[in-house]
Amino acid sequence: MAQEYRKYLDPKTLAKIRGLEVKARLVVEGYMAGQHRSPYQGFSVEFAQHREYAWGDDLRHLDWKVHGRTDKYYLKQYQEETNLVLYIVVDTSESMTYASNKAVSKLDYACYIAASLAYLTLHQRDAVALALFDREPYQFLKPHTNPAHLRNICHLLETARHQEKTQMGLTLHELADRFPRRGIVLILSDCFDRPDEIIGGLKHLRYKRHEIILMNVLDPYELEFPFKDPTLFEGLEEYPELLVEPRALRQRYLEEVAGFQTSLKKGCRNLMADYVLMNTEEPLDVALSAYLATRGVRIGAGR
């Protein structure tokens, strides 16, 4: 169990992203004891409790009297304060097991992202939930803020099944009805489904007032199609094997991939959702820290 718990927690990645915050760009609701603005403005301003200061907290809420007595930094919390709920949704379908000889599998890469951001979010004393899906959602961990929740998340990622076909659009509709509180929904998938069905599911999540981050996890071979010699492609998700001449197909293939990505980007942009391409060849610490830093800049400059 100890080895499973640590598999997806890469120290190099955690060291680089630890100082960055996952923040909601929209108002979120959740449990008490967080740092995010509540949708219930004016509901109550009664003092609730103290919480130890964490890097990035608003200094205006420091209790200097407590600091004078204890020489430690604590924040005042009030009943209208609420924390972030991060719903992590991971595609574990058969196509996610693909890995070229340059990279880890898409599923492992997605699990590394999920574990790293769960660690970071729990470190902020915010809540994390996890859902796994292929044809349908088949595992769900409810939101918790307890750091011990990370062990359950990592164990579930480690033992995920990965033999079924993707039905991403239907899955997102079902999850939109199952997530009880508004929050950030992080989706990790190769998105091997019809773009219009995926966007339909994302619209349902936005209707429920969730903020959406769609991380499209792809292998470099899927993006570049570097094959030159006649190649027998193994079928995944119920597709048969296919022997082809790659050079005759490469240009059309790349056009299809570009069109596929354009459709997802446009759909996400129209929904004010983030679309992020995650290339499994790129070091995870670089990809994650760059994205989180960009979110931080946009948060500060905009909303």
Protein backbone atom coordinates (compact mmCIF):
# COMPACT_ATOMS: atom_id res chain seq x y z
CA MET A 1 0.00 0.00 0.00
CA ALA A 2 2.84 2.43 0.83
CA GLN A 3 4.38 1.95 -2.62
CA GLU A 4 1.02 2.53 -4.31
CA TYR A 5 0.53 5.69 -2.29
CA ARG A 6 3.77 7.20 -3.58
CA LYS A 7 3.75 6.02 -7.19
CA TYR A 8 2.09 9.12 -8.62
CA LEU A 9 3.68 11.67 -6.27
CA ASP A 10 6.84 12.78 -8.02
CA PRO A 11 9.02 14.87 -5.65
CA LYS A 12 10.42 16.98 -8.50
CA THR A 13 6.95 17.94 -9.67
CA LEU A 14 5.65 18.63 -6.18
CA ALA A 15 8.65 20.83 -5.38
CA LYS A 16 7.93 23.07 -8.36
CA ILE A 17 4.19 23.43 -7.93
CA ARG A 18 4.00 23.57 -4.13
CA GLY A 19 4.19 27.35 -4.04
CA LEU A 20 1.44 27.83 -6.62
CA GLU A 21 -2.24 27.88 -5.82
CA VAL A 22 -5.21 26.30 -7.48
CA LYS A 23 -7.78 29.09 -7.31
CA ALA A 24 -11.28 29.46 -8.62
CA ARG A 25 -11.83 32.19 -11.18
CA LEU A 26 -15.54 31.94 -10.47
CA VAL A 27 -17.25 32.13 -7.11
CA VAL A 28 -17.38 28.68 -5.55
CA GLU A 29 -19.22 27.21 -2.63
CA GLY A 30 -18.01 24.53 -0.31
CA TYR A 31 -17.04 23.84 3.24
CA MET A 32 -15.88 26.37 5.79
CA ALA A 33 -12.17 27.01 6.42
CA GLY A 34 -10.92 28.03 2.98
CA GLN A 35 -9.63 31.12 1.29
CA HIS A 36 -12.17 31.63 -1.49
CA ARG A 37 -15.02 34.13 -1.69
CA SER A 38 -18.42 32.79 -0.68
CA PRO A 39 -21.52 33.09 -2.87
CA TYR A 40 -23.43 33.94 0.31
CA GLN A 41 -22.23 37.52 0.72
CA GLY A 42 -23.65 39.08 3.88
CA PHE A 43 -25.10 35.78 5.07
CA SER A 44 -23.08 35.90 8.28
CA VAL A 45 -20.01 37.73 9.45
CA GLU A 46 -19.75 35.98 12.81
CA PHE A 47 -16.32 34.80 13.83
CA ALA A 48 -16.00 31.03 13.47
CA GLN A 49 -12.42 29.95 14.18
CA HIS A 50 -8.73 30.57 13.64
CA ARG A 51 -6.67 28.85 10.97
CA GLU A 52 -2.90 28.73 10.71
CA TYR A 53 -1.53 30.99 7.98
CA ALA A 54 -0.53 29.31 4.70
CA TRP A 55 1.54 30.87 1.92
CA GLY A 56 -0.64 32.99 -0.33
CA ASP A 57 -3.37 33.73 2.24
CA ASP A 58 -4.79 37.25 2.40
CA LEU A 59 -2.78 39.12 5.04
CA ARG A 60 -5.74 41.35 5.85
CA HIS A 61 -7.27 38.52 7.87
CA LEU A 62 -4.26 37.92 10.13
CA ASP A 63 -5.04 38.12 13.85
CA TRP A 64 -2.21 40.27 15.17
CA LYS A 65 -3.33 39.86 18.78
CA VAL A 66 -2.86 36.11 18.56
CA HIS A 67 0.49 36.69 16.85
CA GLY A 68 1.56 38.92 19.74
CA ARG A 69 0.74 36.21 22.25
CA THR A 70 2.04 33.17 20.38
CA ASP A 71 4.52 34.57 17.82
CA LYS A 72 2.63 32.51 15.22
CA TYR A 73 0.44 33.62 12.35
CA TYR A 74 -3.25 32.74 12.38
CA LEU A 75 -6.13 33.97 10.24
CA LYS A 76 -9.59 34.86 11.44
CA GLN A 77 -12.32 32.92 9.68
CA TYR A 78 -15.95 33.86 9.45
CA GLN A 79 -19.03 31.84 8.72
CA GLU A 80 -19.42 33.14 5.19
CA GLU A 81 -15.96 31.94 4.18
CA THR A 82 -15.88 28.86 1.97
CA ASN A 83 -13.25 26.75 0.33
CA LEU A 84 -12.59 25.39 -3.10
CA VAL A 85 -13.84 21.96 -4.17
CA LEU A 86 -11.70 20.43 -6.89
CA TYR A 87 -13.41 17.57 -8.72
CA ILE A 88 -10.79 15.51 -10.55
CA VAL A 89 -12.24 13.38 -13.36
CA VAL A 90 -9.90 10.79 -14.91
CA ASP A 91 -10.53 8.81 -18.10
CA THR A 92 -9.25 5.26 -17.54
CA SER A 93 -10.49 3.75 -20.83
CA GLU A 94 -8.35 1.39 -22.88
CA SER A 95 -7.04 4.07 -25.25
CA MET A 96 -5.47 5.86 -22.27
CA THR A 97 -3.01 2.96 -21.85
CA TYR A 98 -1.22 3.85 -25.09
CA ALA A 99 2.43 4.88 -24.82
CA SER A 100 5.00 5.35 -27.57
CA ASN A 101 8.62 4.54 -26.88
CA LYS A 102 9.25 8.20 -25.97
CA ALA A 103 6.79 8.64 -23.16
CA VAL A 104 4.82 7.19 -20.26
CA SER A 105 1.28 6.05 -20.94
CA LYS A 106 -1.45 8.66 -21.16
CA LEU A 107 -3.15 7.08 -18.16
CA ASP A 108 -0.05 7.25 -15.98
CA TYR A 109 0.55 10.86 -17.05
CA ALA A 110 -3.06 11.74 -16.16
CA CYS A 111 -2.70 10.01 -12.80
CA TYR A 112 0.50 11.94 -12.05
CA ILE A 113 -1.39 15.18 -12.73
CA ALA A 114 -4.34 14.08 -10.61
CA ALA A 115 -2.18 13.09 -7.64
CA SER A 116 -0.02 16.22 -7.84
CA LEU A 117 -2.97 18.62 -7.96
CA ALA A 118 -4.80 16.68 -5.25
CA TYR A 119 -1.71 17.04 -3.06
CA LEU A 120 -1.47 20.76 -3.79
CA THR A 121 -5.18 21.40 -3.19
CA LEU A 122 -5.25 19.48 0.10
CA HIS A 123 -2.13 21.36 1.16
CA GLN A 124 -4.19 24.54 0.74
CA ARG A 125 -6.82 23.01 3.07
CA ASP A 126 -9.28 22.80 0.19
CA ALA A 127 -11.43 19.81 -0.73
CA VAL A 128 -10.73 17.21 -3.42
CA ALA A 129 -13.04 14.65 -5.02
CA LEU A 130 -12.09 11.99 -7.57
CA ALA A 131 -14.16 10.30 -10.28
CA LEU A 132 -12.95 7.57 -12.65
CA PHE A 133 -14.77 6.71 -15.87
CA ASP A 134 -14.66 4.74 -19.11
CA ARG A 135 -18.08 3.76 -20.50
CA GLU A 136 -19.55 5.35 -17.37
CA PRO A 137 -18.42 6.73 -14.02
CA TYR A 138 -17.53 3.68 -11.94
CA GLN A 139 -15.64 5.07 -8.95
CA PHE A 140 -16.28 8.23 -6.98
CA LEU A 141 -14.61 9.60 -3.86
CA LYS A 142 -16.55 12.38 -2.18
CA PRO A 143 -14.87 15.73 -1.45
CA HIS A 144 -12.69 15.86 1.66
CA THR A 145 -10.18 18.32 3.05
CA ASN A 146 -8.35 15.85 5.29
CA PRO A 147 -4.74 15.35 4.07
CA ALA A 148 -5.19 11.62 4.69
CA HIS A 149 -7.65 11.67 1.77
CA LEU A 150 -4.63 11.72 -0.55
CA ARG A 151 -3.89 8.09 0.28
CA ASN A 152 -7.37 7.05 -0.87
CA ILE A 153 -7.01 9.07 -4.07
CA CYS A 154 -3.65 7.52 -4.95
CA HIS A 155 -4.86 4.02 -4.16
CA LEU A 156 -7.88 4.45 -6.42
CA LEU A 157 -5.69 5.78 -9.26
CA GLU A 158 -3.32 2.86 -8.86
CA THR A 159 -6.06 0.24 -9.01
CA ALA A 160 -8.17 1.79 -11.79
CA ARG A 161 -9.51 -0.51 -14.50
CA HIS A 162 -8.51 0.24 -18.10
CA GLN A 163 -10.13 -2.16 -20.53
CA GLU A 164 -13.34 -0.43 -21.59
CA LYS A 165 -14.37 2.03 -24.29
CA THR A 166 -14.80 5.76 -23.68
CA GLN A 167 -18.21 7.41 -23.51
CA MET A 168 -17.06 10.81 -22.36
CA GLY A 169 -20.05 12.91 -23.34
CA LEU A 170 -22.56 10.76 -21.44
CA THR A 171 -20.20 10.57 -18.48
CA LEU A 172 -19.98 14.35 -18.15
CA HIS A 173 -23.77 14.64 -18.15
CA GLU A 174 -24.01 12.09 -15.35
CA LEU A 175 -21.26 13.72 -13.28
CA ALA A 176 -22.86 17.15 -13.66
CA ASP A 177 -25.86 15.76 -11.77
CA ARG A 178 -23.72 14.00 -9.16
CA PHE A 179 -21.41 16.84 -8.11
CA PRO A 180 -23.29 18.50 -5.23
CA ARG A 181 -21.34 21.76 -4.89
CA ARG A 182 -20.06 24.25 -7.37
CA GLY A 183 -16.32 24.05 -7.84
CA ILE A 184 -13.55 23.41 -10.34
CA VAL A 185 -13.97 20.31 -12.50
CA LEU A 186 -10.62 19.09 -13.84
CA ILE A 187 -11.05 16.54 -16.65
CA LEU A 188 -8.07 14.40 -17.69
CA SER A 189 -8.69 12.49 -20.93
CA ASP A 190 -7.48 11.86 -24.46
CA CYS A 191 -11.02 12.94 -25.44
CA PHE A 192 -11.54 10.06 -27.88
CA ASP A 193 -15.21 10.79 -28.34
CA ARG A 194 -17.20 13.03 -30.67
CA PRO A 195 -16.32 16.68 -29.92
CA ASP A 196 -19.96 17.77 -30.04
CA GLU A 197 -20.90 15.19 -27.41
CA ILE A 198 -17.99 16.27 -25.19
CA ILE A 199 -18.97 19.93 -25.51
CA GLY A 200 -22.56 18.98 -24.69
CA GLY A 201 -21.37 17.42 -21.43
CA LEU A 202 -19.23 20.47 -20.65
CA LYS A 203 -22.26 22.72 -21.20
CA HIS A 204 -24.14 20.71 -18.58
CA LEU A 205 -21.30 21.26 -16.09
CA ARG A 206 -21.29 25.00 -16.82
CA TYR A 207 -25.07 25.09 -16.40
CA LYS A 208 -24.41 23.77 -12.90
CA ARG A 209 -21.99 26.71 -12.51
CA HIS A 210 -18.81 24.67 -12.30
CA GLU A 211 -15.55 26.04 -13.60
CA ILE A 212 -13.97 23.64 -16.11
CA ILE A 213 -10.42 22.68 -16.96
CA LEU A 214 -10.15 20.17 -19.79
CA MET A 215 -6.67 18.66 -20.01
CA ASN A 216 -6.38 16.79 -23.30
CA VAL A 217 -3.69 14.17 -22.62
CA LEU A 218 -2.04 12.90 -25.81
CA ASP A 219 1.06 10.93 -26.73
CA PRO A 220 3.65 12.65 -28.99
CA TYR A 221 3.17 9.96 -31.64
CA GLU A 222 -0.55 10.80 -31.72
CA LEU A 223 0.32 14.44 -32.27
CA GLU A 224 3.16 14.02 -34.78
CA PHE A 225 2.41 10.68 -36.52
CA PRO A 226 6.14 10.01 -37.20
CA PHE A 227 5.61 6.54 -38.73
CA LYS A 228 7.26 5.94 -42.10
CA ASP A 229 7.31 2.22 -42.85
CA PRO A 230 4.18 0.08 -43.36
CA THR A 231 2.77 -0.32 -39.86
CA LEU A 232 0.25 -2.61 -38.21
CA PHE A 233 -1.74 -0.46 -35.78
CA GLU A 234 -3.27 -2.28 -32.84
CA GLY A 235 -6.95 -1.52 -32.31
CA LEU A 236 -8.06 -0.15 -28.95
CA GLU A 237 -11.58 0.34 -27.60
CA GLU A 238 -13.10 -2.35 -29.83
CA TYR A 239 -11.44 -1.19 -33.06
CA PRO A 240 -9.71 -3.86 -35.22
CA GLU A 241 -6.05 -3.97 -36.20
CA LEU A 242 -5.18 -1.96 -39.30
CA LEU A 243 -2.20 -2.32 -41.66
CA VAL A 244 -1.48 1.00 -43.41
CA GLU A 245 1.13 2.96 -45.37
CA PRO A 246 1.70 5.89 -42.94
CA ARG A 247 3.23 8.32 -45.42
CA ALA A 248 0.08 8.24 -47.52
CA LEU A 249 -2.08 9.07 -44.50
CA ARG A 250 0.07 11.48 -42.52
CA GLN A 251 -1.15 14.79 -43.94
CA ARG A 252 -4.83 13.86 -43.68
CA TYR A 253 -4.27 12.48 -40.18
CA LEU A 254 -2.61 15.70 -38.98
CA GLU A 255 -5.46 17.74 -40.46
CA GLU A 256 -7.99 15.61 -38.59
CA VAL A 257 -6.10 16.00 -35.32
CA ALA A 258 -5.85 19.77 -35.80
CA GLY A 259 -9.57 19.98 -36.56
CA PHE A 260 -10.38 17.87 -33.52
CA GLN A 261 -8.34 20.14 -31.25
CA THR A 262 -9.80 23.28 -32.81
CA SER A 263 -13.33 22.05 -32.11
CA LEU A 264 -12.51 21.37 -28.46
CA LYS A 265 -10.69 24.69 -28.03
CA LYS A 266 -13.56 26.65 -29.56
CA GLY A 267 -16.15 24.83 -27.49
CA CYS A 268 -14.19 25.45 -24.29
CA ARG A 269 -13.61 29.10 -25.15
CA ASN A 270 -17.34 29.64 -25.69
CA LEU A 271 -17.99 28.15 -22.25
CA MET A 272 -15.23 30.18 -20.55
CA ALA A 273 -13.47 26.88 -19.85
CA ASP A 274 -9.77 26.12 -20.09
CA TYR A 275 -8.52 23.75 -22.78
CA VAL A 276 -4.98 22.53 -22.10
CA LEU A 277 -3.04 20.16 -24.34
CA MET A 278 -0.84 17.88 -22.25
CA ASN A 279 1.87 16.13 -24.27
CA THR A 280 3.10 13.09 -22.34
CA GLU A 281 6.62 13.71 -23.64
CA GLU A 282 6.80 17.03 -21.79
CA PRO A 283 8.18 16.88 -18.23
CA LEU A 284 5.20 17.03 -15.92
CA ASP A 285 6.70 19.57 -13.54
CA VAL A 286 7.27 21.98 -16.43
CA ALA A 287 3.78 21.54 -17.89
CA LEU A 288 1.95 21.86 -14.58
CA SER A 289 3.90 24.77 -13.14
CA ALA A 290 3.56 26.73 -16.41
CA TYR A 291 -0.22 26.22 -16.50
CA LEU A 292 -0.77 27.06 -12.83
CA ALA A 293 1.38 30.18 -13.11
CA THR A 294 -0.68 31.31 -16.12
CA ARG A 295 -3.92 30.80 -14.18
CA GLY A 296 -2.51 32.88 -11.36
CA VAL A 297 -1.68 35.77 -13.69
CA ARG A 298 -5.15 35.70 -15.24
CA ILE A 299 -6.84 35.57 -11.86
CA GLY A 300 -4.92 38.57 -10.59
CA ALA A 301 -5.37 40.60 -13.75
CA GLY A 302 -8.99 39.85 -14.45
CA ARG A 303 -11.69 38.49 -12.22
